[in-house]
N, C-alpha and C. Protein backbone atom coordinates (compact mmCIF):
# COMPACT_ATOMS: atom_id res chain seq x y z
N UNK A 1 0.84 -1.17 0.00
CA UNK A 1 0.00 0.00 0.00
C UNK A 1 0.90 1.24 0.00
N UNK A 2 0.56 2.23 -0.84
CA UNK A 2 1.37 3.43 -0.96
C UNK A 2 1.14 4.42 0.16
N UNK A 3 1.93 5.45 0.13
CA UNK A 3 1.78 6.52 1.12
C UNK A 3 0.48 7.28 0.88
N UNK A 4 -0.13 7.79 1.95
CA UNK A 4 -1.33 8.60 1.74
C UNK A 4 -0.95 9.89 1.01
N UNK A 5 -1.85 10.40 0.20
CA UNK A 5 -1.53 11.65 -0.51
C UNK A 5 -1.19 12.77 0.48
N UNK A 6 -0.39 13.71 0.02
CA UNK A 6 0.04 14.83 0.87
C UNK A 6 -1.15 15.60 1.43
N UNK A 7 -2.23 15.69 0.65
CA UNK A 7 -3.42 16.41 1.10
C UNK A 7 -3.97 15.77 2.37
N UNK A 8 -4.08 14.45 2.39
CA UNK A 8 -4.58 13.75 3.58
C UNK A 8 -3.66 13.96 4.77
N UNK A 9 -2.36 13.86 4.52
CA UNK A 9 -1.38 14.07 5.59
C UNK A 9 -1.50 15.47 6.18
N UNK A 10 -1.53 16.45 5.30
CA UNK A 10 -1.63 17.85 5.75
C UNK A 10 -2.94 18.10 6.48
N UNK A 11 -4.03 17.58 5.94
CA UNK A 11 -5.34 17.77 6.58
C UNK A 11 -5.35 17.18 7.98
N UNK A 12 -4.78 15.99 8.12
CA UNK A 12 -4.72 15.35 9.43
C UNK A 12 -3.85 16.16 10.40
N UNK A 13 -2.74 16.62 9.90
CA UNK A 13 -1.83 17.44 10.71
C UNK A 13 -2.54 18.72 11.20
N UNK A 14 -3.26 19.35 10.30
CA UNK A 14 -3.97 20.59 10.64
C UNK A 14 -5.11 20.31 11.61
N UNK A 15 -5.84 19.20 11.41
CA UNK A 15 -6.93 18.88 12.34
C UNK A 15 -6.41 18.57 13.74
N UNK A 16 -5.27 17.90 13.83
CA UNK A 16 -4.68 17.65 15.16
C UNK A 16 -4.31 18.98 15.82
N UNK A 17 -3.76 19.90 15.03
CA UNK A 17 -3.42 21.22 15.56
C UNK A 17 -4.69 21.98 15.98
N UNK A 18 -5.73 21.89 15.17
CA UNK A 18 -7.00 22.55 15.49
C UNK A 18 -7.57 22.00 16.80
N UNK A 19 -7.58 20.69 16.95
CA UNK A 19 -8.09 20.08 18.18
C UNK A 19 -7.26 20.53 19.38
N UNK A 20 -5.95 20.57 19.23
CA UNK A 20 -5.08 21.00 20.34
C UNK A 20 -5.39 22.45 20.71
N UNK A 21 -5.61 23.30 19.73
CA UNK A 21 -5.94 24.71 20.01
C UNK A 21 -7.29 24.83 20.69
N UNK A 22 -8.26 24.04 20.23
CA UNK A 22 -9.59 24.07 20.85
C UNK A 22 -9.50 23.65 22.30
N UNK A 23 -8.73 22.60 22.57
CA UNK A 23 -8.59 22.14 23.95
C UNK A 23 -7.85 23.15 24.82
N UNK A 24 -6.95 23.89 24.22
CA UNK A 24 -6.18 24.86 24.99
C UNK A 24 -6.89 26.20 25.17
N UNK A 25 -7.47 26.73 24.07
CA UNK A 25 -8.05 28.07 24.08
C UNK A 25 -9.58 28.09 24.11
N UNK A 26 -10.20 26.96 23.79
CA UNK A 26 -11.64 26.93 23.62
C UNK A 26 -11.98 27.13 22.15
N UNK A 27 -13.09 26.58 21.74
CA UNK A 27 -13.47 26.67 20.33
C UNK A 27 -13.77 28.11 19.91
N UNK A 28 -14.46 28.85 20.75
CA UNK A 28 -14.82 30.22 20.40
C UNK A 28 -13.60 31.11 20.19
N UNK A 29 -12.53 30.85 20.92
CA UNK A 29 -11.34 31.71 20.84
C UNK A 29 -10.29 31.22 19.84
N UNK A 30 -10.45 30.03 19.30
CA UNK A 30 -9.45 29.48 18.38
C UNK A 30 -9.58 30.13 17.01
N UNK A 31 -8.45 30.61 16.51
CA UNK A 31 -8.42 31.26 15.20
C UNK A 31 -7.59 30.43 14.21
N UNK A 32 -7.71 30.77 12.94
CA UNK A 32 -6.89 30.10 11.93
C UNK A 32 -5.41 30.38 12.18
N UNK A 33 -5.10 31.56 12.67
CA UNK A 33 -3.72 31.90 12.98
C UNK A 33 -3.18 30.99 14.09
N UNK A 34 -4.01 30.72 15.10
CA UNK A 34 -3.60 29.79 16.17
C UNK A 34 -3.29 28.41 15.58
N UNK A 35 -4.16 27.96 14.70
CA UNK A 35 -3.99 26.64 14.09
C UNK A 35 -2.73 26.62 13.23
N UNK A 36 -2.51 27.69 12.48
CA UNK A 36 -1.31 27.77 11.64
C UNK A 36 -0.05 27.72 12.52
N UNK A 37 -0.06 28.50 13.59
CA UNK A 37 1.10 28.51 14.49
C UNK A 37 1.34 27.12 15.09
N UNK A 38 0.27 26.47 15.54
CA UNK A 38 0.40 25.16 16.17
C UNK A 38 0.87 24.11 15.17
N UNK A 39 0.40 24.20 13.92
CA UNK A 39 0.78 23.20 12.92
C UNK A 39 2.12 23.49 12.26
N UNK A 40 2.61 24.73 12.45
CA UNK A 40 3.87 25.10 11.83
C UNK A 40 3.74 25.39 10.33
N UNK A 41 2.52 25.61 9.89
CA UNK A 41 2.26 25.91 8.48
C UNK A 41 1.79 27.35 8.32
N UNK A 42 2.01 27.93 7.18
CA UNK A 42 1.47 29.27 6.94
C UNK A 42 -0.06 29.25 6.97
N UNK A 43 -0.66 30.34 7.40
CA UNK A 43 -2.12 30.45 7.47
C UNK A 43 -2.76 30.15 6.11
N UNK A 44 -2.10 30.58 5.04
CA UNK A 44 -2.64 30.36 3.70
C UNK A 44 -2.74 28.87 3.37
N UNK A 45 -1.79 28.08 3.84
CA UNK A 45 -1.86 26.63 3.61
C UNK A 45 -2.96 25.98 4.47
N UNK A 46 -3.15 26.49 5.67
CA UNK A 46 -4.23 25.98 6.51
C UNK A 46 -5.56 26.21 5.78
N UNK A 47 -5.75 27.41 5.24
CA UNK A 47 -6.98 27.71 4.50
C UNK A 47 -7.08 26.85 3.23
N UNK A 48 -5.97 26.66 2.56
CA UNK A 48 -5.98 25.87 1.33
C UNK A 48 -6.42 24.43 1.60
N UNK A 49 -5.86 23.83 2.64
CA UNK A 49 -6.16 22.43 2.92
C UNK A 49 -7.48 22.23 3.67
N UNK A 50 -7.87 23.19 4.49
CA UNK A 50 -9.02 22.99 5.37
C UNK A 50 -10.18 23.94 5.12
N UNK A 51 -9.96 25.02 4.40
CA UNK A 51 -11.03 25.99 4.21
C UNK A 51 -11.08 26.95 5.39
N UNK A 52 -12.25 27.48 5.65
CA UNK A 52 -12.37 28.45 6.74
C UNK A 52 -12.64 27.75 8.07
N UNK A 53 -12.78 28.53 9.10
CA UNK A 53 -12.95 28.00 10.45
C UNK A 53 -14.23 27.16 10.56
N UNK A 54 -15.32 27.62 9.92
CA UNK A 54 -16.57 26.86 9.96
C UNK A 54 -16.41 25.47 9.35
N UNK A 55 -15.64 25.39 8.28
CA UNK A 55 -15.38 24.09 7.65
C UNK A 55 -14.55 23.20 8.58
N UNK A 56 -13.65 23.82 9.32
CA UNK A 56 -12.87 23.04 10.29
C UNK A 56 -13.76 22.51 11.41
N UNK A 57 -14.72 23.32 11.84
CA UNK A 57 -15.66 22.88 12.87
C UNK A 57 -16.48 21.71 12.34
N UNK A 58 -16.94 21.80 11.10
CA UNK A 58 -17.69 20.69 10.50
C UNK A 58 -16.84 19.42 10.47
N UNK A 59 -15.59 19.56 10.09
CA UNK A 59 -14.70 18.39 10.06
C UNK A 59 -14.47 17.83 11.46
N UNK A 60 -14.39 18.70 12.44
CA UNK A 60 -14.24 18.26 13.83
C UNK A 60 -15.45 17.41 14.24
N UNK A 61 -16.64 17.89 13.92
CA UNK A 61 -17.85 17.13 14.24
C UNK A 61 -17.84 15.79 13.52
N UNK A 62 -17.46 15.80 12.25
CA UNK A 62 -17.39 14.54 11.49
C UNK A 62 -16.39 13.58 12.13
N UNK A 63 -15.25 14.10 12.57
CA UNK A 63 -14.24 13.24 13.21
C UNK A 63 -14.77 12.64 14.51
N UNK A 64 -15.42 13.47 15.32
CA UNK A 64 -15.96 12.98 16.58
C UNK A 64 -17.06 11.95 16.33
N UNK A 65 -17.88 12.19 15.33
CA UNK A 65 -18.95 11.25 14.98
C UNK A 65 -18.34 9.93 14.49
N UNK A 66 -17.28 10.01 13.71
CA UNK A 66 -16.63 8.80 13.21
C UNK A 66 -16.05 7.97 14.35
N UNK A 67 -15.46 8.65 15.33
CA UNK A 67 -14.90 7.94 16.49
C UNK A 67 -16.02 7.26 17.27
N UNK A 68 -17.10 7.99 17.54
CA UNK A 68 -18.22 7.42 18.29
C UNK A 68 -18.85 6.26 17.53
N UNK A 69 -19.03 6.43 16.22
CA UNK A 69 -19.64 5.38 15.40
C UNK A 69 -18.77 4.13 15.40
N UNK A 70 -17.46 4.30 15.29
CA UNK A 70 -16.60 3.12 15.28
C UNK A 70 -16.64 2.41 16.63
N UNK A 71 -16.77 3.16 17.71
CA UNK A 71 -16.88 2.52 19.03
C UNK A 71 -18.21 1.80 19.17
N UNK A 72 -19.27 2.40 18.66
CA UNK A 72 -20.58 1.77 18.72
C UNK A 72 -20.61 0.53 17.84
N UNK A 73 -19.99 0.62 16.67
CA UNK A 73 -20.00 -0.51 15.74
C UNK A 73 -19.36 -1.77 16.31
N UNK A 74 -18.51 -1.62 17.31
CA UNK A 74 -17.88 -2.80 17.90
C UNK A 74 -18.88 -3.68 18.64
N UNK A 75 -20.07 -3.17 18.94
CA UNK A 75 -21.06 -3.97 19.66
C UNK A 75 -22.08 -4.61 18.73
N UNK A 76 -21.91 -4.44 17.42
CA UNK A 76 -22.82 -5.09 16.48
C UNK A 76 -22.60 -6.61 16.51
N UNK A 77 -23.70 -7.34 16.39
CA UNK A 77 -23.56 -8.79 16.33
C UNK A 77 -23.33 -9.23 14.88
N UNK A 78 -23.30 -10.52 14.65
CA UNK A 78 -22.98 -11.04 13.31
C UNK A 78 -23.98 -10.56 12.25
N UNK A 79 -25.22 -10.32 12.65
CA UNK A 79 -26.24 -9.87 11.68
C UNK A 79 -26.15 -8.36 11.44
N UNK A 80 -25.33 -7.68 12.23
CA UNK A 80 -25.21 -6.22 12.08
C UNK A 80 -26.07 -5.45 13.06
N UNK A 81 -26.90 -6.17 13.83
CA UNK A 81 -27.75 -5.52 14.82
C UNK A 81 -27.00 -5.31 16.13
N UNK A 82 -27.61 -4.53 17.00
CA UNK A 82 -27.06 -4.29 18.33
C UNK A 82 -28.14 -4.58 19.35
N UNK A 83 -27.81 -5.33 20.36
CA UNK A 83 -28.78 -5.60 21.41
C UNK A 83 -28.79 -4.43 22.38
N UNK A 84 -29.86 -4.35 23.13
CA UNK A 84 -29.97 -3.30 24.15
C UNK A 84 -28.83 -3.44 25.15
N UNK A 85 -28.58 -4.66 25.60
CA UNK A 85 -27.53 -4.88 26.60
C UNK A 85 -26.17 -4.43 26.08
N UNK A 86 -25.87 -4.75 24.83
CA UNK A 86 -24.57 -4.37 24.27
C UNK A 86 -24.47 -2.86 24.08
N UNK A 87 -25.57 -2.22 23.71
CA UNK A 87 -25.54 -0.76 23.59
C UNK A 87 -25.33 -0.10 24.96
N UNK A 88 -25.98 -0.64 25.99
CA UNK A 88 -25.76 -0.09 27.33
C UNK A 88 -24.29 -0.24 27.73
N UNK A 89 -23.72 -1.39 27.42
CA UNK A 89 -22.29 -1.59 27.71
C UNK A 89 -21.46 -0.53 26.99
N UNK A 90 -21.80 -0.27 25.74
CA UNK A 90 -21.03 0.70 24.94
C UNK A 90 -21.22 2.12 25.47
N UNK A 91 -22.46 2.50 25.76
CA UNK A 91 -22.72 3.88 26.20
C UNK A 91 -22.12 4.17 27.57
N UNK A 92 -22.04 3.15 28.41
CA UNK A 92 -21.44 3.35 29.73
C UNK A 92 -20.02 2.80 29.78
N UNK A 93 -19.48 2.54 28.61
CA UNK A 93 -18.11 2.06 28.48
C UNK A 93 -17.34 2.94 27.53
N UNK A 94 -16.94 2.36 26.42
CA UNK A 94 -15.99 3.04 25.53
C UNK A 94 -16.54 4.24 24.75
N UNK A 95 -17.84 4.33 24.50
CA UNK A 95 -18.34 5.42 23.65
C UNK A 95 -18.07 6.79 24.26
N UNK A 96 -18.35 6.94 25.53
CA UNK A 96 -18.17 8.25 26.17
C UNK A 96 -16.99 8.26 27.13
N UNK A 97 -16.06 7.34 26.96
CA UNK A 97 -14.95 7.21 27.90
C UNK A 97 -13.73 8.08 27.55
N UNK A 98 -13.67 8.58 26.33
CA UNK A 98 -12.50 9.33 25.89
C UNK A 98 -12.58 10.79 26.33
N UNK A 99 -11.72 11.17 27.25
CA UNK A 99 -11.76 12.53 27.81
C UNK A 99 -11.51 13.60 26.75
N UNK A 100 -10.63 13.33 25.82
CA UNK A 100 -10.34 14.30 24.75
C UNK A 100 -11.58 14.57 23.90
N UNK A 101 -12.23 13.50 23.45
CA UNK A 101 -13.45 13.65 22.65
C UNK A 101 -14.54 14.36 23.46
N UNK A 102 -14.66 14.01 24.73
CA UNK A 102 -15.66 14.64 25.58
C UNK A 102 -15.40 16.15 25.73
N UNK A 103 -14.14 16.51 25.89
CA UNK A 103 -13.79 17.94 26.01
C UNK A 103 -14.10 18.68 24.72
N UNK A 104 -13.80 18.06 23.59
CA UNK A 104 -14.11 18.69 22.30
C UNK A 104 -15.62 18.83 22.11
N UNK A 105 -16.39 17.81 22.49
CA UNK A 105 -17.85 17.91 22.41
C UNK A 105 -18.37 19.00 23.34
N UNK A 106 -17.76 19.13 24.50
CA UNK A 106 -18.16 20.20 25.42
C UNK A 106 -18.01 21.57 24.79
N UNK A 107 -16.94 21.75 24.04
CA UNK A 107 -16.74 23.02 23.33
C UNK A 107 -17.82 23.23 22.27
N UNK A 108 -18.18 22.15 21.60
CA UNK A 108 -19.25 22.26 20.60
C UNK A 108 -20.59 22.58 21.25
N UNK A 109 -20.84 21.97 22.42
CA UNK A 109 -22.08 22.27 23.16
C UNK A 109 -22.17 23.76 23.46
N UNK A 110 -21.05 24.30 23.93
CA UNK A 110 -21.03 25.72 24.30
C UNK A 110 -21.41 26.60 23.11
N UNK A 111 -20.83 26.34 21.96
CA UNK A 111 -21.13 27.15 20.78
C UNK A 111 -22.49 26.83 20.17
N UNK A 112 -22.99 25.62 20.41
CA UNK A 112 -24.29 25.23 19.86
C UNK A 112 -25.42 26.09 20.41
N UNK A 113 -25.21 26.69 21.56
CA UNK A 113 -26.23 27.56 22.14
C UNK A 113 -26.53 28.76 21.24
N UNK A 114 -25.51 29.24 20.56
CA UNK A 114 -25.68 30.46 19.77
C UNK A 114 -25.50 30.26 18.27
N UNK A 115 -25.03 29.09 17.86
CA UNK A 115 -24.78 28.84 16.44
C UNK A 115 -25.73 27.74 15.96
N UNK A 116 -26.75 28.10 15.17
CA UNK A 116 -27.73 27.10 14.73
C UNK A 116 -27.13 25.96 13.91
N UNK A 117 -26.11 26.25 13.12
CA UNK A 117 -25.48 25.21 12.31
C UNK A 117 -24.81 24.16 13.21
N UNK A 118 -24.06 24.62 14.19
CA UNK A 118 -23.42 23.68 15.12
C UNK A 118 -24.48 22.94 15.92
N UNK A 119 -25.52 23.64 16.35
CA UNK A 119 -26.60 23.01 17.11
C UNK A 119 -27.22 21.87 16.29
N UNK A 120 -27.47 22.12 15.00
CA UNK A 120 -28.05 21.09 14.15
C UNK A 120 -27.12 19.89 14.01
N UNK A 121 -25.84 20.14 13.86
CA UNK A 121 -24.87 19.05 13.70
C UNK A 121 -24.76 18.24 15.00
N UNK A 122 -24.68 18.91 16.14
CA UNK A 122 -24.58 18.21 17.42
C UNK A 122 -25.88 17.44 17.69
N UNK A 123 -27.00 18.04 17.35
CA UNK A 123 -28.29 17.37 17.48
C UNK A 123 -28.26 16.05 16.71
N UNK A 124 -27.70 16.07 15.51
CA UNK A 124 -27.60 14.85 14.71
C UNK A 124 -26.77 13.77 15.36
N UNK A 125 -25.71 14.16 16.03
CA UNK A 125 -24.86 13.19 16.73
C UNK A 125 -25.66 12.47 17.81
N UNK A 126 -26.38 13.23 18.62
CA UNK A 126 -27.13 12.62 19.72
C UNK A 126 -28.40 11.93 19.26
N UNK A 127 -28.98 12.42 18.18
CA UNK A 127 -30.14 11.74 17.60
C UNK A 127 -29.74 10.34 17.12
N UNK A 128 -28.56 10.25 16.53
CA UNK A 128 -28.04 8.95 16.08
C UNK A 128 -27.93 7.99 17.27
N UNK A 129 -27.31 8.44 18.35
CA UNK A 129 -27.13 7.57 19.52
C UNK A 129 -28.47 7.16 20.13
N UNK A 130 -29.42 8.09 20.17
CA UNK A 130 -30.74 7.79 20.71
C UNK A 130 -31.50 6.83 19.81
N UNK A 131 -31.40 7.05 18.50
CA UNK A 131 -32.10 6.19 17.54
C UNK A 131 -31.62 4.74 17.60
N UNK A 132 -30.31 4.57 17.76
CA UNK A 132 -29.79 3.20 17.87
C UNK A 132 -30.43 2.46 19.04
N UNK A 133 -30.54 3.12 20.17
CA UNK A 133 -31.12 2.49 21.35
C UNK A 133 -32.62 2.29 21.18
N UNK A 134 -33.31 3.29 20.62
CA UNK A 134 -34.75 3.16 20.38
C UNK A 134 -35.02 1.99 19.45
N UNK A 135 -34.23 1.86 18.39
CA UNK A 135 -34.39 0.75 17.44
C UNK A 135 -34.12 -0.60 18.10
N UNK A 136 -33.11 -0.67 18.95
CA UNK A 136 -32.80 -1.92 19.66
C UNK A 136 -33.95 -2.32 20.58
N UNK A 137 -34.52 -1.34 21.28
CA UNK A 137 -35.67 -1.62 22.15
C UNK A 137 -36.84 -2.14 21.31
N UNK A 138 -37.05 -1.56 20.14
CA UNK A 138 -38.15 -2.00 19.27
C UNK A 138 -37.90 -3.43 18.77
N UNK A 139 -36.66 -3.73 18.34
CA UNK A 139 -36.35 -5.09 17.86
C UNK A 139 -36.61 -6.13 18.95
N UNK A 140 -36.33 -5.73 20.19
CA UNK A 140 -36.52 -6.67 21.31
C UNK A 140 -37.93 -6.57 21.90
N UNK A 141 -38.78 -5.77 21.24
CA UNK A 141 -40.19 -5.60 21.64
C UNK A 141 -40.33 -5.18 23.11
N UNK A 142 -39.55 -4.19 23.48
CA UNK A 142 -39.58 -3.68 24.84
C UNK A 142 -40.24 -2.30 24.81
N UNK A 143 -41.36 -2.15 25.53
CA UNK A 143 -42.03 -0.87 25.65
C UNK A 143 -42.80 -0.46 24.41
N UNK A 144 -43.51 0.67 24.55
CA UNK A 144 -44.26 1.24 23.43
C UNK A 144 -43.33 2.20 22.67
N UNK A 145 -43.78 2.63 21.51
CA UNK A 145 -42.95 3.54 20.69
C UNK A 145 -42.57 4.79 21.47
N UNK A 146 -43.53 5.39 22.16
CA UNK A 146 -43.25 6.62 22.92
C UNK A 146 -42.32 6.34 24.09
N UNK A 147 -42.60 5.26 24.83
CA UNK A 147 -41.77 4.98 26.01
C UNK A 147 -40.35 4.57 25.60
N UNK A 148 -40.18 3.95 24.43
CA UNK A 148 -38.84 3.60 23.96
C UNK A 148 -38.00 4.85 23.74
N UNK A 149 -38.58 5.82 23.05
CA UNK A 149 -37.85 7.06 22.78
C UNK A 149 -37.51 7.78 24.07
N UNK A 150 -38.49 7.88 24.97
CA UNK A 150 -38.25 8.53 26.26
C UNK A 150 -37.16 7.80 27.04
N UNK A 151 -37.22 6.48 27.04
CA UNK A 151 -36.21 5.68 27.76
C UNK A 151 -34.83 5.88 27.14
N UNK A 152 -34.77 5.88 25.81
CA UNK A 152 -33.48 6.08 25.14
C UNK A 152 -32.89 7.44 25.50
N UNK A 153 -33.73 8.47 25.53
CA UNK A 153 -33.25 9.80 25.92
C UNK A 153 -32.79 9.82 27.38
N UNK A 154 -33.52 9.15 28.25
CA UNK A 154 -33.13 9.10 29.66
C UNK A 154 -31.80 8.37 29.82
N UNK A 155 -31.63 7.28 29.10
CA UNK A 155 -30.38 6.51 29.20
C UNK A 155 -29.22 7.30 28.63
N UNK A 156 -29.43 7.96 27.50
CA UNK A 156 -28.36 8.80 26.94
C UNK A 156 -28.03 9.94 27.91
N UNK A 157 -29.04 10.49 28.55
CA UNK A 157 -28.80 11.55 29.55
C UNK A 157 -27.96 11.04 30.71
N UNK A 158 -28.24 9.82 31.15
CA UNK A 158 -27.42 9.22 32.21
C UNK A 158 -25.96 9.08 31.77
N UNK A 159 -25.77 8.58 30.54
CA UNK A 159 -24.41 8.38 30.04
C UNK A 159 -23.67 9.71 29.90
N UNK A 160 -24.35 10.70 29.34
CA UNK A 160 -23.72 12.01 29.17
C UNK A 160 -23.51 12.70 30.51
N UNK A 161 -24.47 12.55 31.40
CA UNK A 161 -24.34 13.16 32.72
C UNK A 161 -23.19 12.55 33.50
N UNK A 162 -23.06 11.25 33.42
CA UNK A 162 -21.97 10.56 34.10
C UNK A 162 -20.63 11.07 33.58
N UNK A 163 -20.55 11.22 32.27
CA UNK A 163 -19.32 11.71 31.65
C UNK A 163 -19.05 13.16 32.03
N UNK A 164 -20.07 14.00 31.97
CA UNK A 164 -19.90 15.44 32.26
C UNK A 164 -19.56 15.68 33.72
N UNK A 165 -20.26 15.02 34.62
CA UNK A 165 -20.03 15.23 36.04
C UNK A 165 -18.69 14.66 36.50
N UNK A 166 -18.20 13.71 35.74
CA UNK A 166 -16.90 13.13 36.05
C UNK A 166 -15.82 14.21 36.10
N UNK A 167 -15.94 15.22 35.22
CA UNK A 167 -14.97 16.32 35.19
C UNK A 167 -14.92 17.07 36.52
N UNK A 168 -15.99 16.99 37.29
CA UNK A 168 -16.07 17.71 38.56
C UNK A 168 -15.95 16.79 39.77
N UNK A 169 -15.61 15.53 39.50
CA UNK A 169 -15.45 14.58 40.58
C UNK A 169 -16.77 14.19 41.24
N UNK A 170 -17.89 14.34 40.52
CA UNK A 170 -19.20 14.09 41.10
C UNK A 170 -19.89 12.83 40.60
N UNK A 171 -19.40 12.25 39.56
CA UNK A 171 -20.11 11.16 38.91
C UNK A 171 -19.99 9.85 39.67
N UNK A 172 -21.06 9.08 39.56
CA UNK A 172 -21.01 7.71 40.05
C UNK A 172 -20.19 6.90 39.05
N UNK A 173 -19.87 5.70 39.41
CA UNK A 173 -19.11 4.86 38.48
C UNK A 173 -19.96 4.54 37.26
N UNK A 174 -19.29 4.24 36.16
CA UNK A 174 -20.01 3.86 34.94
C UNK A 174 -20.86 2.61 35.20
N UNK A 175 -20.38 1.70 36.02
CA UNK A 175 -21.15 0.49 36.33
C UNK A 175 -22.44 0.83 37.07
N UNK A 176 -22.35 1.76 38.02
CA UNK A 176 -23.54 2.16 38.77
C UNK A 176 -24.55 2.84 37.85
N UNK A 177 -24.07 3.68 36.95
CA UNK A 177 -24.98 4.36 36.02
C UNK A 177 -25.57 3.37 35.02
N UNK A 178 -24.78 2.39 34.59
CA UNK A 178 -25.30 1.38 33.68
C UNK A 178 -26.40 0.58 34.36
N UNK A 179 -26.24 0.31 35.66
CA UNK A 179 -27.28 -0.41 36.42
C UNK A 179 -28.57 0.39 36.45
N UNK A 180 -28.45 1.71 36.60
CA UNK A 180 -29.64 2.56 36.58
C UNK A 180 -30.31 2.51 35.19
N UNK A 181 -29.50 2.51 34.15
CA UNK A 181 -30.03 2.42 32.79
C UNK A 181 -30.75 1.08 32.60
N UNK A 182 -30.17 0.01 33.15
CA UNK A 182 -30.81 -1.31 33.05
C UNK A 182 -32.16 -1.29 33.75
N UNK A 183 -32.27 -0.57 34.85
CA UNK A 183 -33.56 -0.47 35.55
C UNK A 183 -34.61 0.22 34.68
N UNK A 184 -34.18 1.19 33.91
CA UNK A 184 -35.11 1.86 32.99
C UNK A 184 -35.62 0.83 31.97
N UNK A 185 -34.72 0.04 31.42
CA UNK A 185 -35.11 -0.98 30.44
C UNK A 185 -36.05 -2.00 31.10
N UNK A 186 -35.74 -2.41 32.32
CA UNK A 186 -36.60 -3.37 33.02
C UNK A 186 -37.99 -2.81 33.27
N UNK A 187 -38.07 -1.52 33.57
CA UNK A 187 -39.40 -0.91 33.78
C UNK A 187 -40.20 -0.92 32.48
N UNK A 188 -39.52 -0.75 31.35
CA UNK A 188 -40.21 -0.84 30.05
C UNK A 188 -40.68 -2.27 29.79
N UNK A 189 -39.86 -3.23 30.19
CA UNK A 189 -40.22 -4.63 30.01
C UNK A 189 -41.48 -4.98 30.79
N UNK A 190 -41.60 -4.43 31.99
CA UNK A 190 -42.80 -4.66 32.79
C UNK A 190 -44.01 -4.02 32.12
N UNK A 191 -43.81 -2.85 31.52
CA UNK A 191 -44.89 -2.17 30.80
C UNK A 191 -45.38 -3.05 29.64
N UNK A 192 -44.46 -3.68 28.94
CA UNK A 192 -44.76 -4.51 27.79
C UNK A 192 -45.53 -5.76 28.20
N UNK A 193 -45.18 -6.33 29.35
CA UNK A 193 -45.80 -7.60 29.77
C UNK A 193 -47.19 -7.42 30.37
N UNK A 194 -47.60 -6.18 30.64
CA UNK A 194 -48.95 -5.96 31.22
C UNK A 194 -50.03 -6.14 30.20
C-alpha cells in the first residue's frame, strides 16, 4: 500500500493542531492563525487544505462522529444488529470514555447555544445515539414507541451526565450508572408484559 496523498497528511496534521488549540483556548477563541502557528504551516496553507474555520468545525464534528460510530460498531452482532444490553455496555463504556473527545464535544455544546449550524450538527450526533437504542428496544419488543424514545433519551442523559459530572469529581461509576439504565429498560419490560 502506498503513502497517503500529501493532502490527507496535511489535513490530518492541521486537524490535530485545530483540536489542540480548541482544547487549549476553547473553540470560540481558536483562530486560523492559532492553528497555523500550532501546525507550523502558513495560514494560507491551513486555508488551502481545510477551508475556513466553519469548515474546520464541521470536520471536527465529522471526526468525533466517526470515532463514536466506530466505538458503537464494535457492539454489532454477526447480523449487524445491536442488542440493548450491548448498547448499554457501549454507552457506559468506551463510547463516552475518551476525555479528549468529551472535552471537544463540550466546546461544541457551548457554541451550539448560539450557532444554529453547530446546534443542528450536534443534534444529529445525539439523535443517532438515541435512535440506535430506540431501534434496539423496538427489535426486542420492549415498551411502546413513545416509552422507547423517552427511555433512550433518559439513558443517553445518564451516560452524558456521568461523563460530564466526572470532570467535577461528582459522577457515580459507569457500572452504577449502567445499572440505573438497566432499571429503565426493566421498567419498560414490565410495561410490555402488562
